[in-house]
Every structure is written in structure tokens, then in C-alpha cells.
Amino acid sequence: MLLDFPFGAESLIIQGGQGAAFNHHYLVPSQKHALDIIRLINGKQYQGDRTSLSAYPSYGAEVLSPADAQVVKVVKGF
């Protein structure tokens, strides 16, 4: 199955893969196949003050489904 990135923009997987060396989620059974994907702007992960959430292009961005699916639960605040 081919998946699209969830931001519809330049993105990067920063945690993901088949082993703990590439994916800190790998040793947690419920997170084993999780990916941490960030949105980039001009190849950069953040612009300005890296301690501010608004410096990260992913913050507040619309997240698109990477595949056809049905939303079964939405949790606000994450």
C-alpha cells in the first residue's frame, strides 16, 4: 500500500523503521509501527525560536489522512 504524507507538503520521517536503532517506538508493542513525521519548510524543521511551538511548521497544520480510512475517534489537545 502506498501512503501519502499527512501534511501535503515537504515532510520527513524522524522516527520509524524496523528496529530500535531507527525507531524509539519499536520496543513498545502498541507503537511498534508508529512513525514520527514532521513538516519541513525550505528543508528546515523549525524557524526562529525552537522553544516556541509556533516555530514548527507542523504545529497547527491541517493533517491529512495518508490512506482511505474512517475516523473512529478524535482527541482534542494533542
Protein backbone atom coordinates (compact mmCIF):
# COMPACT_ATOMS: atom_id res chain seq x y z
CA MET A 1 0.00 0.00 0.00
CA LEU A 2 1.33 3.44 -0.90
CA LEU A 3 0.77 6.20 1.63
CA ASP A 4 0.87 9.97 1.24
CA PHE A 5 2.47 12.19 3.85
CA PRO A 6 -0.13 13.72 6.18
CA PHE A 7 0.80 17.36 5.61
CA GLY A 8 0.55 17.54 1.83
CA ALA A 9 3.95 19.27 1.87
CA GLU A 10 7.64 18.54 2.24
CA SER A 11 7.89 16.07 5.14
CA LEU A 12 10.44 13.90 6.91
CA ILE A 13 10.16 10.73 8.99
CA ILE A 14 12.32 11.31 12.07
CA GLN A 15 11.43 8.08 13.91
CA GLY A 16 10.33 4.96 12.08
CA GLY A 17 11.63 1.67 10.88
CA GLN A 18 12.20 -1.97 11.68
CA GLY A 19 14.37 -1.76 14.80
CA ALA A 20 15.12 0.22 17.94
CA ALA A 21 18.13 1.92 16.30
CA PHE A 22 15.79 3.71 13.87
CA ASN A 23 12.53 3.88 15.80
CA HIS A 24 12.20 4.54 19.54
CA HIS A 25 8.60 3.26 19.27
CA TYR A 26 9.74 -0.19 18.13
CA LEU A 27 10.08 -1.78 21.58
CA VAL A 28 6.56 -0.70 22.65
CA PRO A 29 4.15 -3.26 21.12
CA SER A 30 1.26 -0.79 20.65
CA GLN A 31 3.61 1.71 18.94
CA LYS A 32 5.85 -0.69 17.01
CA HIS A 33 4.67 0.54 13.60
CA ALA A 34 4.34 4.22 14.56
CA LEU A 35 6.06 6.95 12.57
CA ASP A 36 7.01 10.44 13.72
CA ILE A 37 6.55 12.67 10.69
CA ILE A 38 7.43 16.35 10.67
CA ARG A 39 6.63 19.03 8.13
CA LEU A 40 9.54 20.96 6.68
CA ILE A 41 9.69 24.47 5.25
CA ASN A 42 12.62 25.04 2.90
CA GLY A 43 14.19 21.87 4.29
CA LYS A 44 14.09 23.11 7.90
CA GLN A 45 12.31 21.58 10.88
CA TYR A 46 11.69 24.94 12.58
CA GLN A 47 12.23 28.65 12.01
CA GLY A 48 13.19 31.05 14.78
CA ASP A 49 12.90 30.19 18.47
CA ARG A 50 12.95 26.38 18.68
CA THR A 51 11.38 26.52 22.17
CA SER A 52 8.20 28.02 20.69
CA LEU A 53 5.63 25.64 19.20
CA SER A 54 4.77 28.22 16.54
CA ALA A 55 8.34 27.91 15.18
CA TYR A 56 7.49 24.41 13.89
CA PRO A 57 5.60 24.20 10.57
CA SER A 58 3.79 21.06 11.82
CA TYR A 59 2.21 22.98 14.70
CA GLY A 60 -1.36 23.92 13.83
CA ALA A 61 -1.10 22.42 10.33
CA GLU A 62 -4.00 20.52 8.82
CA VAL A 63 -3.29 16.78 8.97
CA LEU A 64 -4.48 14.73 6.02
CA SER A 65 -5.20 11.01 6.07
CA PRO A 66 -2.38 9.07 4.39
CA ALA A 67 -4.88 6.48 3.07
CA ASP A 68 -8.62 5.98 2.71
CA ALA A 69 -9.98 5.42 6.19
CA GLN A 70 -12.79 6.17 8.61
CA VAL A 71 -12.20 8.39 11.66
CA VAL A 72 -13.38 6.48 14.72
CA LYS A 73 -12.16 8.81 17.47
CA VAL A 74 -10.90 12.38 17.77
CA VAL A 75 -9.00 13.58 20.85
CA LYS A 76 -8.54 17.31 21.32
CA GLY A 77 -5.37 18.77 22.77
CA PHE A 78 -2.64 16.69 21.17
